[in-house]
């Protein structure tokens, strides 16, 4: 999409949430992106934009306004059978916005659709940050206690729950992850929460 739309003034910035740069670097180098591709080891972007899952996209216009809040979007349909998301729906909406300025939501509606963190969610992010600092100091048991607390305070935030897994020596694509997702779904929740037009 960047290659297709870059001459229209469109820029893509991709951000990986990983425990350290070396975890994401091989994937970024293999993709060889022509746009800025960042590695956020502190989950600052997740905190700033209240991202709770990946992949998450948001659109920001040329004056810094969020015109499409957090949404689920894939670059292609490789995982469509699993996720149920058609990448072409998002791509069409993106093309329309970049080329014509047409967007599904008014500014007021975009603000209504933005989900702000609750007090518990903010506490969870603080617990996660403290856990990460302790982990970096080699205090793994203390870190784990804060990671668990963060997950309990914000069970809907998979950037926290899944993001702590590698630091707890749990495979973030292993059986514990899939058990977590299954339990979440069985309790009546959606893993992804797309915007209404998605």
N, C-alpha and C. Protein backbone atom coordinates (compact mmCIF):
# COMPACT_ATOMS: atom_id res chain seq x y z
N UNK A 1 0.83 -1.19 0.00
CA UNK A 1 0.00 0.00 0.00
C UNK A 1 0.87 1.25 0.00
N UNK A 2 1.97 1.20 0.72
CA UNK A 2 2.88 2.35 0.72
C UNK A 2 3.42 2.61 -0.69
N UNK A 3 3.89 1.57 -1.33
CA UNK A 3 4.44 1.74 -2.68
C UNK A 3 3.38 2.27 -3.63
N UNK A 4 2.17 1.81 -3.47
CA UNK A 4 1.08 2.24 -4.36
C UNK A 4 0.69 3.70 -4.13
N UNK A 5 0.69 4.13 -2.86
CA UNK A 5 0.11 5.43 -2.52
C UNK A 5 1.11 6.50 -2.08
N UNK A 6 2.39 6.17 -2.07
CA UNK A 6 3.37 7.13 -1.52
C UNK A 6 3.40 8.44 -2.28
N UNK A 7 3.13 8.42 -3.57
CA UNK A 7 3.15 9.65 -4.36
C UNK A 7 1.93 10.53 -4.11
N UNK A 8 0.98 10.01 -3.33
CA UNK A 8 -0.22 10.77 -2.97
C UNK A 8 -0.03 11.46 -1.62
N UNK A 9 1.18 11.42 -1.07
CA UNK A 9 1.43 12.02 0.24
C UNK A 9 1.17 11.08 1.40
N UNK A 10 1.07 9.80 1.11
CA UNK A 10 0.76 8.78 2.12
C UNK A 10 2.05 8.18 2.67
N UNK A 11 2.11 8.04 3.98
CA UNK A 11 3.26 7.42 4.64
C UNK A 11 2.78 6.30 5.55
N UNK A 12 3.53 5.24 5.60
CA UNK A 12 3.27 4.13 6.52
C UNK A 12 4.40 4.12 7.55
N UNK A 13 4.05 3.91 8.79
CA UNK A 13 5.04 3.66 9.83
C UNK A 13 4.61 2.36 10.51
N UNK A 14 5.44 1.35 10.45
CA UNK A 14 5.13 0.10 11.14
C UNK A 14 5.92 0.05 12.44
N UNK A 15 5.30 -0.53 13.45
CA UNK A 15 5.92 -0.61 14.78
C UNK A 15 5.77 -2.03 15.31
N UNK A 16 6.88 -2.64 15.66
CA UNK A 16 6.85 -3.97 16.30
C UNK A 16 6.98 -3.78 17.81
N UNK A 17 6.17 -4.51 18.56
CA UNK A 17 6.29 -4.53 20.02
C UNK A 17 7.04 -5.80 20.40
N UNK A 18 8.29 -5.65 20.79
CA UNK A 18 9.10 -6.80 21.15
C UNK A 18 9.95 -6.47 22.37
N UNK A 19 10.40 -7.52 23.06
CA UNK A 19 11.17 -7.30 24.29
C UNK A 19 12.53 -6.67 24.03
N UNK A 20 13.07 -6.87 22.82
CA UNK A 20 14.31 -6.20 22.44
C UNK A 20 14.36 -6.13 20.92
N UNK A 21 15.23 -5.28 20.42
CA UNK A 21 15.29 -5.03 18.98
C UNK A 21 15.66 -6.29 18.20
N UNK A 22 16.48 -7.16 18.80
CA UNK A 22 16.94 -8.34 18.07
C UNK A 22 15.81 -9.33 17.79
N UNK A 23 14.73 -9.28 18.58
CA UNK A 23 13.60 -10.18 18.33
C UNK A 23 12.91 -9.84 17.00
N UNK A 24 12.79 -8.56 16.70
CA UNK A 24 12.07 -8.13 15.49
C UNK A 24 12.97 -7.90 14.29
N UNK A 25 14.23 -7.61 14.53
CA UNK A 25 15.12 -7.21 13.44
C UNK A 25 15.13 -8.20 12.26
N UNK A 26 15.24 -9.52 12.46
CA UNK A 26 15.28 -10.42 11.30
C UNK A 26 14.03 -10.34 10.43
N UNK A 27 12.88 -10.13 11.05
CA UNK A 27 11.63 -10.04 10.29
C UNK A 27 11.60 -8.75 9.48
N UNK A 28 12.04 -7.67 10.08
CA UNK A 28 12.06 -6.39 9.37
C UNK A 28 13.07 -6.44 8.23
N UNK A 29 14.24 -7.00 8.49
CA UNK A 29 15.25 -7.09 7.43
C UNK A 29 14.77 -7.98 6.29
N UNK A 30 14.07 -9.07 6.61
CA UNK A 30 13.55 -9.96 5.56
C UNK A 30 12.49 -9.26 4.72
N UNK A 31 11.66 -8.43 5.37
CA UNK A 31 10.61 -7.71 4.64
C UNK A 31 11.20 -6.57 3.80
N UNK A 32 12.35 -6.03 4.23
CA UNK A 32 13.00 -4.94 3.52
C UNK A 32 12.03 -3.80 3.22
N UNK A 33 11.37 -3.26 4.24
CA UNK A 33 10.37 -2.22 3.99
C UNK A 33 11.02 -0.93 3.46
N UNK A 34 10.26 -0.23 2.64
CA UNK A 34 10.73 1.04 2.10
C UNK A 34 10.17 2.22 2.91
N UNK A 35 9.46 1.91 3.96
CA UNK A 35 8.89 2.92 4.85
C UNK A 35 9.54 2.77 6.23
N UNK A 36 9.40 3.75 7.13
CA UNK A 36 9.97 3.61 8.48
C UNK A 36 9.36 2.40 9.19
N UNK A 37 10.22 1.58 9.75
CA UNK A 37 9.79 0.38 10.47
C UNK A 37 10.51 0.38 11.81
N UNK A 38 9.76 0.60 12.87
CA UNK A 38 10.33 0.82 14.19
C UNK A 38 10.14 -0.38 15.10
N UNK A 39 10.95 -0.45 16.14
CA UNK A 39 10.84 -1.50 17.15
C UNK A 39 10.64 -0.80 18.49
N UNK A 40 9.49 -1.02 19.09
CA UNK A 40 9.11 -0.34 20.33
C UNK A 40 9.24 -1.35 21.49
N UNK A 41 10.40 -1.33 22.14
CA UNK A 41 10.63 -2.29 23.22
C UNK A 41 9.93 -1.89 24.52
N UNK A 42 9.45 -0.66 24.61
CA UNK A 42 8.80 -0.18 25.84
C UNK A 42 7.28 -0.07 25.71
N UNK A 43 6.74 -0.46 24.56
CA UNK A 43 5.28 -0.40 24.31
C UNK A 43 4.73 1.01 24.43
N UNK A 44 5.55 2.01 24.08
CA UNK A 44 5.11 3.39 24.17
C UNK A 44 3.99 3.70 23.19
N UNK A 45 4.07 3.17 21.98
CA UNK A 45 3.01 3.42 21.00
C UNK A 45 1.69 2.81 21.47
N UNK A 46 1.76 1.61 22.03
CA UNK A 46 0.55 0.97 22.57
C UNK A 46 -0.06 1.85 23.66
N UNK A 47 0.78 2.41 24.52
CA UNK A 47 0.28 3.27 25.59
C UNK A 47 -0.31 4.56 25.02
N UNK A 48 0.39 5.20 24.10
CA UNK A 48 -0.06 6.48 23.57
C UNK A 48 -1.38 6.38 22.81
N UNK A 49 -1.57 5.28 22.09
CA UNK A 49 -2.75 5.14 21.25
C UNK A 49 -3.72 4.07 21.75
N UNK A 50 -3.51 3.59 22.97
CA UNK A 50 -4.38 2.60 23.58
C UNK A 50 -4.58 1.37 22.69
N UNK A 51 -3.48 0.86 22.17
CA UNK A 51 -3.52 -0.36 21.36
C UNK A 51 -3.51 -1.56 22.30
N UNK A 52 -4.42 -2.49 22.07
CA UNK A 52 -4.54 -3.65 22.96
C UNK A 52 -4.28 -4.97 22.24
N UNK A 53 -4.02 -4.91 20.94
CA UNK A 53 -3.81 -6.13 20.19
C UNK A 53 -3.01 -5.80 18.93
N UNK A 54 -2.51 -6.82 18.29
CA UNK A 54 -1.86 -6.65 16.99
C UNK A 54 -2.47 -7.65 16.02
N UNK A 55 -2.58 -7.32 14.76
CA UNK A 55 -2.21 -6.04 14.19
C UNK A 55 -3.28 -4.97 14.49
N UNK A 56 -2.82 -3.79 14.80
CA UNK A 56 -3.69 -2.63 14.98
C UNK A 56 -3.20 -1.53 14.07
N UNK A 57 -4.13 -0.88 13.40
CA UNK A 57 -3.78 0.26 12.56
C UNK A 57 -4.57 1.47 13.05
N UNK A 58 -4.04 2.64 12.76
CA UNK A 58 -4.82 3.86 12.90
C UNK A 58 -4.34 4.82 11.85
N UNK A 59 -5.25 5.70 11.46
CA UNK A 59 -4.91 6.68 10.43
C UNK A 59 -4.81 8.04 11.09
N UNK A 60 -3.74 8.74 10.76
CA UNK A 60 -3.51 10.08 11.28
C UNK A 60 -3.34 11.00 10.08
N UNK A 61 -4.08 12.11 10.07
CA UNK A 61 -4.00 12.99 8.91
C UNK A 61 -2.80 13.93 8.99
N UNK A 62 -2.67 14.80 8.00
CA UNK A 62 -1.48 15.65 7.88
C UNK A 62 -1.37 16.69 8.98
N UNK A 63 -2.44 16.91 9.76
CA UNK A 63 -2.35 17.86 10.87
C UNK A 63 -2.33 17.15 12.22
N UNK A 64 -2.12 15.83 12.19
CA UNK A 64 -1.95 15.09 13.43
C UNK A 64 -3.21 14.60 14.08
N UNK A 65 -4.35 14.66 13.39
CA UNK A 65 -5.62 14.19 13.96
C UNK A 65 -5.84 12.72 13.62
N UNK A 66 -6.34 11.98 14.58
CA UNK A 66 -6.71 10.59 14.31
C UNK A 66 -8.04 10.61 13.57
N UNK A 67 -8.02 10.16 12.31
CA UNK A 67 -9.25 10.16 11.52
C UNK A 67 -9.90 8.78 11.44
N UNK A 68 -9.12 7.77 11.76
CA UNK A 68 -9.67 6.41 11.90
C UNK A 68 -8.98 5.81 13.10
N UNK A 69 -9.73 5.62 14.19
CA UNK A 69 -9.10 5.10 15.41
C UNK A 69 -8.70 3.63 15.26
N UNK A 70 -8.11 3.10 16.30
CA UNK A 70 -7.59 1.74 16.30
C UNK A 70 -8.55 0.76 15.63
N UNK A 71 -7.99 -0.02 14.74
CA UNK A 71 -8.78 -1.01 14.02
C UNK A 71 -7.89 -2.20 13.70
N UNK A 72 -8.51 -3.28 13.28
CA UNK A 72 -7.80 -4.49 12.89
C UNK A 72 -7.66 -4.48 11.38
N UNK A 73 -6.46 -4.69 10.87
CA UNK A 73 -6.28 -4.78 9.43
C UNK A 73 -5.06 -5.64 9.13
N UNK A 74 -5.17 -6.41 8.09
CA UNK A 74 -4.08 -7.25 7.61
C UNK A 74 -3.63 -6.75 6.25
N UNK A 75 -2.37 -6.97 5.93
CA UNK A 75 -1.82 -6.55 4.65
C UNK A 75 -2.31 -7.38 3.48
N UNK A 76 -2.66 -8.64 3.75
CA UNK A 76 -3.18 -9.50 2.70
C UNK A 76 -4.12 -10.52 3.34
N UNK A 77 -4.60 -11.46 2.55
CA UNK A 77 -5.60 -12.41 3.04
C UNK A 77 -5.02 -13.77 3.43
N UNK A 78 -3.73 -13.81 3.75
CA UNK A 78 -3.09 -15.07 4.14
C UNK A 78 -3.83 -15.72 5.31
N UNK A 79 -4.26 -14.92 6.28
CA UNK A 79 -4.88 -15.46 7.49
C UNK A 79 -6.40 -15.29 7.51
N UNK A 80 -7.00 -14.99 6.37
CA UNK A 80 -8.43 -14.70 6.34
C UNK A 80 -9.28 -15.86 6.86
N UNK A 81 -8.90 -17.07 6.52
CA UNK A 81 -9.68 -18.23 6.97
C UNK A 81 -9.70 -18.34 8.49
N UNK A 82 -8.61 -17.93 9.13
CA UNK A 82 -8.51 -17.98 10.58
C UNK A 82 -9.17 -16.76 11.23
N UNK A 83 -8.88 -15.57 10.68
CA UNK A 83 -9.33 -14.33 11.32
C UNK A 83 -10.71 -13.88 10.89
N UNK A 84 -11.09 -14.22 9.66
CA UNK A 84 -12.36 -13.75 9.14
C UNK A 84 -12.30 -12.35 8.55
N UNK A 85 -11.13 -11.71 8.54
CA UNK A 85 -11.00 -10.35 8.03
C UNK A 85 -10.54 -10.36 6.58
N UNK A 86 -11.24 -9.59 5.76
CA UNK A 86 -10.89 -9.45 4.36
C UNK A 86 -10.02 -8.20 4.22
N UNK A 87 -8.75 -8.38 3.89
CA UNK A 87 -7.82 -7.26 3.78
C UNK A 87 -8.26 -6.26 2.72
N UNK A 88 -8.97 -6.72 1.71
CA UNK A 88 -9.37 -5.83 0.63
C UNK A 88 -10.36 -4.76 1.07
N UNK A 89 -11.16 -5.05 2.09
CA UNK A 89 -12.10 -4.05 2.61
C UNK A 89 -11.32 -2.85 3.17
N UNK A 90 -10.32 -3.13 3.97
CA UNK A 90 -9.52 -2.06 4.54
C UNK A 90 -8.72 -1.33 3.46
N UNK A 91 -8.17 -2.07 2.52
CA UNK A 91 -7.38 -1.45 1.46
C UNK A 91 -8.22 -0.49 0.63
N UNK A 92 -9.46 -0.87 0.33
CA UNK A 92 -10.33 0.02 -0.44
C UNK A 92 -10.61 1.30 0.35
N UNK A 93 -10.92 1.16 1.64
CA UNK A 93 -11.18 2.33 2.47
C UNK A 93 -9.95 3.23 2.54
N UNK A 94 -8.77 2.62 2.64
CA UNK A 94 -7.53 3.39 2.70
C UNK A 94 -7.29 4.14 1.40
N UNK A 95 -7.47 3.45 0.27
CA UNK A 95 -7.30 4.12 -1.03
C UNK A 95 -8.26 5.31 -1.15
N UNK A 96 -9.52 5.11 -0.76
CA UNK A 96 -10.50 6.19 -0.85
C UNK A 96 -10.07 7.39 -0.02
N UNK A 97 -9.57 7.13 1.18
CA UNK A 97 -9.15 8.23 2.06
C UNK A 97 -7.97 8.99 1.46
N UNK A 98 -6.95 8.25 1.03
CA UNK A 98 -5.75 8.89 0.51
C UNK A 98 -6.03 9.65 -0.78
N UNK A 99 -6.81 9.06 -1.67
CA UNK A 99 -7.01 9.67 -2.99
C UNK A 99 -8.10 10.73 -3.02
N UNK A 100 -9.14 10.57 -2.19
CA UNK A 100 -10.27 11.50 -2.29
C UNK A 100 -10.57 12.22 -0.98
N UNK A 101 -9.94 11.77 0.11
CA UNK A 101 -10.26 12.35 1.41
C UNK A 101 -11.52 11.77 2.02
N UNK A 102 -12.14 10.83 1.31
CA UNK A 102 -13.38 10.20 1.79
C UNK A 102 -13.06 9.23 2.93
N UNK A 103 -13.82 9.37 4.01
CA UNK A 103 -13.60 8.51 5.16
C UNK A 103 -14.94 8.08 5.72
N UNK A 104 -14.96 6.90 6.34
CA UNK A 104 -16.22 6.33 6.81
C UNK A 104 -16.82 7.10 7.98
N UNK A 105 -15.99 7.83 8.73
CA UNK A 105 -16.46 8.45 9.96
C UNK A 105 -16.25 9.96 9.94
N UNK A 106 -17.19 10.67 10.51
CA UNK A 106 -16.96 12.09 10.77
C UNK A 106 -15.94 12.21 11.90
N UNK A 107 -15.40 13.41 12.09
CA UNK A 107 -14.46 13.62 13.20
C UNK A 107 -15.11 13.30 14.53
N UNK A 108 -16.36 13.67 14.69
CA UNK A 108 -17.07 13.40 15.94
C UNK A 108 -17.23 11.89 16.15
N UNK A 109 -17.60 11.18 15.08
CA UNK A 109 -17.77 9.73 15.19
C UNK A 109 -16.43 9.04 15.48
N UNK A 110 -15.36 9.52 14.86
CA UNK A 110 -14.03 8.95 15.12
C UNK A 110 -13.68 9.11 16.60
N UNK A 111 -13.98 10.28 17.18
CA UNK A 111 -13.71 10.49 18.61
C UNK A 111 -14.56 9.55 19.47
N UNK A 112 -15.81 9.34 19.08
CA UNK A 112 -16.68 8.43 19.84
C UNK A 112 -16.15 7.00 19.82
N UNK A 113 -15.53 6.62 18.71
CA UNK A 113 -15.05 5.25 18.56
C UNK A 113 -13.70 5.00 19.23
N UNK A 114 -13.01 6.06 19.61
CA UNK A 114 -11.75 5.89 20.31
C UNK A 114 -12.02 5.39 21.72
N UNK A 115 -11.32 4.36 22.10
CA UNK A 115 -11.48 3.80 23.44
C UNK A 115 -10.34 4.29 24.31
N UNK A 116 -10.71 4.97 25.37
CA UNK A 116 -9.71 5.47 26.30
C UNK A 116 -9.46 4.44 27.40
N UNK A 117 -8.26 4.38 27.93
CA UNK A 117 -7.97 3.40 28.98
C UNK A 117 -8.67 3.77 30.29
N UNK A 118 -9.12 2.74 30.98
CA UNK A 118 -9.72 2.93 32.30
C UNK A 118 -8.60 3.09 33.33
N UNK A 119 -8.98 3.39 34.56
CA UNK A 119 -8.00 3.49 35.65
C UNK A 119 -7.27 2.15 35.82
N UNK A 120 -8.01 1.04 35.78
CA UNK A 120 -7.38 -0.28 35.91
C UNK A 120 -6.41 -0.55 34.76
N UNK A 121 -6.81 -0.12 33.57
CA UNK A 121 -5.94 -0.35 32.40
C UNK A 121 -4.66 0.47 32.53
N UNK A 122 -4.77 1.70 33.00
CA UNK A 122 -3.58 2.51 33.21
C UNK A 122 -2.69 1.88 34.28
N UNK A 123 -3.29 1.34 35.32
CA UNK A 123 -2.52 0.65 36.36
C UNK A 123 -1.84 -0.58 35.77
N UNK A 124 -2.54 -1.29 34.89
CA UNK A 124 -1.96 -2.47 34.25
C UNK A 124 -0.73 -2.10 33.44
N UNK A 125 -0.81 -0.99 32.72
CA UNK A 125 0.35 -0.57 31.94
C UNK A 125 1.52 -0.18 32.83
N UNK A 126 1.22 0.42 33.97
CA UNK A 126 2.28 0.74 34.93
C UNK A 126 2.90 -0.55 35.48
N UNK A 127 2.05 -1.54 35.78
CA UNK A 127 2.55 -2.84 36.26
C UNK A 127 3.43 -3.51 35.21
N UNK A 128 2.99 -3.44 33.94
CA UNK A 128 3.77 -4.03 32.86
C UNK A 128 5.13 -3.35 32.75
N UNK A 129 5.14 -2.01 32.79
CA UNK A 129 6.39 -1.26 32.68
C UNK A 129 7.33 -1.58 33.84
N UNK A 130 6.78 -1.69 35.04
CA UNK A 130 7.61 -2.05 36.20
C UNK A 130 8.14 -3.47 36.05
N UNK A 131 7.28 -4.38 35.60
CA UNK A 131 7.73 -5.75 35.36
C UNK A 131 8.85 -5.81 34.35
N UNK A 132 8.72 -5.02 33.29
CA UNK A 132 9.77 -5.02 32.27
C UNK A 132 11.08 -4.46 32.84
N UNK A 133 11.00 -3.41 33.63
CA UNK A 133 12.21 -2.86 34.24
C UNK A 133 12.87 -3.90 35.16
N UNK A 134 12.06 -4.57 35.97
CA UNK A 134 12.62 -5.60 36.86
C UNK A 134 13.25 -6.73 36.05
N UNK A 135 12.60 -7.12 34.97
CA UNK A 135 13.13 -8.18 34.10
C UNK A 135 14.50 -7.76 33.54
N UNK A 136 14.59 -6.49 33.12
CA UNK A 136 15.86 -5.99 32.58
C UNK A 136 16.96 -5.98 33.65
N UNK A 137 16.57 -5.88 34.92
CA UNK A 137 17.54 -5.90 36.02
C UNK A 137 17.88 -7.32 36.46
N UNK A 138 17.27 -8.31 35.81
CA UNK A 138 17.52 -9.70 36.17
C UNK A 138 16.70 -10.18 37.35
N UNK A 139 15.70 -9.43 37.76
CA UNK A 139 14.85 -9.80 38.90
C UNK A 139 13.58 -10.45 38.35
N UNK A 140 13.73 -11.66 37.86
CA UNK A 140 12.70 -12.32 37.08
C UNK A 140 11.46 -12.69 37.89
N UNK A 141 11.61 -13.16 39.12
CA UNK A 141 10.44 -13.52 39.93
C UNK A 141 9.60 -12.29 40.25
N UNK A 142 10.27 -11.20 40.62
CA UNK A 142 9.55 -9.96 40.90
C UNK A 142 8.86 -9.45 39.64
N UNK A 143 9.55 -9.53 38.50
CA UNK A 143 8.97 -9.09 37.23
C UNK A 143 7.73 -9.89 36.91
N UNK A 144 7.80 -11.20 37.08
CA UNK A 144 6.67 -12.07 36.77
C UNK A 144 5.43 -11.69 37.57
N UNK A 145 5.60 -11.36 38.84
CA UNK A 145 4.46 -10.98 39.67
C UNK A 145 3.77 -9.75 39.10
N UNK A 146 4.53 -8.79 38.58
CA UNK A 146 3.94 -7.58 38.00
C UNK A 146 3.29 -7.87 36.65
N UNK A 147 3.89 -8.77 35.88
CA UNK A 147 3.28 -9.15 34.61
C UNK A 147 1.93 -9.82 34.84
N UNK A 148 1.87 -10.70 35.81
CA UNK A 148 0.61 -11.38 36.13
C UNK A 148 -0.43 -10.36 36.59
N UNK A 149 -0.03 -9.44 37.46
CA UNK A 149 -0.94 -8.41 37.95
C UNK A 149 -1.46 -7.55 36.79
N UNK A 150 -0.58 -7.20 35.86
CA UNK A 150 -0.99 -6.40 34.71
C UNK A 150 -2.05 -7.13 33.89
N UNK A 151 -1.84 -8.42 33.67
CA UNK A 151 -2.81 -9.21 32.91
C UNK A 151 -4.15 -9.33 33.62
N UNK A 152 -4.13 -9.40 34.92
CA UNK A 152 -5.37 -9.48 35.69
C UNK A 152 -6.13 -8.15 35.66
N UNK A 153 -5.40 -7.04 35.70
CA UNK A 153 -6.04 -5.73 35.68
C UNK A 153 -6.62 -5.39 34.31
N UNK A 154 -5.98 -5.86 33.25
CA UNK A 154 -6.44 -5.55 31.89
C UNK A 154 -6.43 -6.81 31.04
N UNK A 155 -7.35 -7.74 31.31
CA UNK A 155 -7.34 -9.00 30.57
C UNK A 155 -7.61 -8.84 29.08
N UNK A 156 -8.19 -7.70 28.68
CA UNK A 156 -8.47 -7.45 27.26
C UNK A 156 -7.25 -6.95 26.50
N UNK A 157 -6.18 -6.60 27.20
CA UNK A 157 -5.01 -6.01 26.56
C UNK A 157 -3.98 -7.10 26.26
N UNK A 158 -4.00 -7.55 25.02
CA UNK A 158 -3.11 -8.63 24.63
C UNK A 158 -1.71 -8.12 24.30
N UNK A 159 -1.53 -6.81 24.14
CA UNK A 159 -0.15 -6.32 24.01
C UNK A 159 0.56 -6.47 25.34
N UNK A 160 -0.20 -6.41 26.43
CA UNK A 160 0.37 -6.65 27.76
C UNK A 160 0.50 -8.15 28.03
N UNK A 161 -0.61 -8.87 27.90
CA UNK A 161 -0.60 -10.30 28.26
C UNK A 161 0.35 -11.10 27.38
N UNK A 162 0.23 -10.89 26.08
CA UNK A 162 1.11 -11.63 25.16
C UNK A 162 2.51 -11.03 25.16
N UNK A 163 2.59 -9.70 25.33
CA UNK A 163 3.89 -9.03 25.32
C UNK A 163 4.81 -9.46 26.45
N UNK A 164 4.21 -9.90 27.56
CA UNK A 164 5.04 -10.34 28.68
C UNK A 164 5.50 -11.79 28.54
N UNK A 165 4.88 -12.53 27.64
CA UNK A 165 5.19 -13.96 27.53
C UNK A 165 6.66 -14.25 27.24
N UNK A 166 7.29 -13.59 26.26
CA UNK A 166 8.70 -13.91 26.01
C UNK A 166 9.59 -13.64 27.22
N UNK A 167 9.24 -12.63 28.01
CA UNK A 167 10.05 -12.32 29.19
C UNK A 167 9.80 -13.33 30.31
N UNK A 168 8.67 -14.03 30.23
CA UNK A 168 8.38 -15.07 31.21
C UNK A 168 8.74 -16.45 30.68
N UNK A 169 9.48 -16.45 29.54
CA UNK A 169 9.92 -17.69 28.88
C UNK A 169 8.75 -18.55 28.44
N UNK A 170 7.69 -17.87 27.96
CA UNK A 170 6.52 -18.54 27.40
C UNK A 170 6.47 -18.19 25.92
N UNK A 171 6.27 -19.17 25.08
CA UNK A 171 6.19 -18.94 23.65
C UNK A 171 4.92 -18.15 23.34
N UNK A 172 5.03 -16.94 22.77
CA UNK A 172 3.83 -16.14 22.50
C UNK A 172 2.98 -16.69 21.36
N UNK A 173 3.44 -17.75 20.71
CA UNK A 173 2.64 -18.46 19.71
C UNK A 173 2.44 -19.92 20.11
N UNK A 174 2.67 -20.21 21.37
CA UNK A 174 2.58 -21.58 21.85
C UNK A 174 1.24 -21.90 22.48
N UNK A 175 1.14 -23.07 23.12
CA UNK A 175 -0.14 -23.52 23.67
C UNK A 175 -0.73 -22.60 24.74
N UNK A 176 0.13 -21.96 25.54
CA UNK A 176 -0.40 -21.05 26.57
C UNK A 176 -1.14 -19.88 25.94
N UNK A 177 -0.61 -19.38 24.81
CA UNK A 177 -1.28 -18.28 24.11
C UNK A 177 -2.65 -18.73 23.61
N UNK A 178 -2.70 -19.89 22.97
CA UNK A 178 -3.97 -20.34 22.40
C UNK A 178 -4.98 -20.69 23.50
N UNK A 179 -4.50 -21.18 24.63
CA UNK A 179 -5.39 -21.42 25.77
C UNK A 179 -5.96 -20.10 26.28
N UNK A 180 -5.12 -19.08 26.36
CA UNK A 180 -5.56 -17.76 26.80
C UNK A 180 -6.66 -17.23 25.88
N UNK A 181 -6.47 -17.36 24.58
CA UNK A 181 -7.46 -16.89 23.61
C UNK A 181 -8.75 -17.67 23.74
N UNK A 182 -8.64 -18.98 23.90
CA UNK A 182 -9.83 -19.82 24.02
C UNK A 182 -10.63 -19.44 25.27
N UNK A 183 -9.94 -19.26 26.39
CA UNK A 183 -10.62 -18.87 27.63
C UNK A 183 -11.29 -17.51 27.48
N UNK A 184 -10.63 -16.59 26.80
CA UNK A 184 -11.19 -15.26 26.56
C UNK A 184 -12.47 -15.36 25.73
N UNK A 185 -12.42 -16.15 24.67
CA UNK A 185 -13.59 -16.32 23.80
C UNK A 185 -14.73 -17.04 24.54
N UNK A 186 -14.38 -18.05 25.32
CA UNK A 186 -15.42 -18.81 26.05
C UNK A 186 -16.09 -17.96 27.13
N UNK A 187 -15.43 -16.87 27.56
CA UNK A 187 -16.06 -15.99 28.54
C UNK A 187 -16.89 -14.90 27.87
N UNK A 188 -17.10 -15.05 26.54
CA UNK A 188 -17.99 -14.15 25.83
C UNK A 188 -17.35 -12.93 25.22
N UNK A 189 -16.03 -12.94 25.05
CA UNK A 189 -15.33 -11.78 24.50
C UNK A 189 -14.79 -12.07 23.11
N UNK A 190 -14.62 -11.01 22.34
CA UNK A 190 -13.99 -11.10 21.03
C UNK A 190 -12.50 -10.81 21.18
N UNK A 191 -11.69 -11.58 20.49
CA UNK A 191 -10.25 -11.34 20.52
C UNK A 191 -9.91 -10.03 19.80
N UNK A 192 -10.53 -9.84 18.63
CA UNK A 192 -10.38 -8.60 17.88
C UNK A 192 -11.69 -7.83 17.92
N UNK A 193 -11.59 -6.52 18.01
CA UNK A 193 -12.77 -5.68 18.01
C UNK A 193 -12.67 -4.66 16.88
N UNK A 194 -13.07 -5.06 15.66
CA UNK A 194 -12.95 -4.14 14.53
C UNK A 194 -13.95 -3.01 14.61
N UNK A 195 -13.65 -1.93 13.89
CA UNK A 195 -14.58 -0.82 13.79
C UNK A 195 -15.82 -1.26 13.00
N UNK A 196 -16.93 -0.56 13.15
CA UNK A 196 -18.19 -1.01 12.56
C UNK A 196 -18.16 -1.27 11.05
N UNK A 197 -17.40 -0.49 10.29
CA UNK A 197 -17.41 -0.68 8.83
C UNK A 197 -16.46 -1.78 8.38
N UNK A 198 -15.69 -2.38 9.30
CA UNK A 198 -14.74 -3.42 8.91
C UNK A 198 -15.43 -4.78 8.82
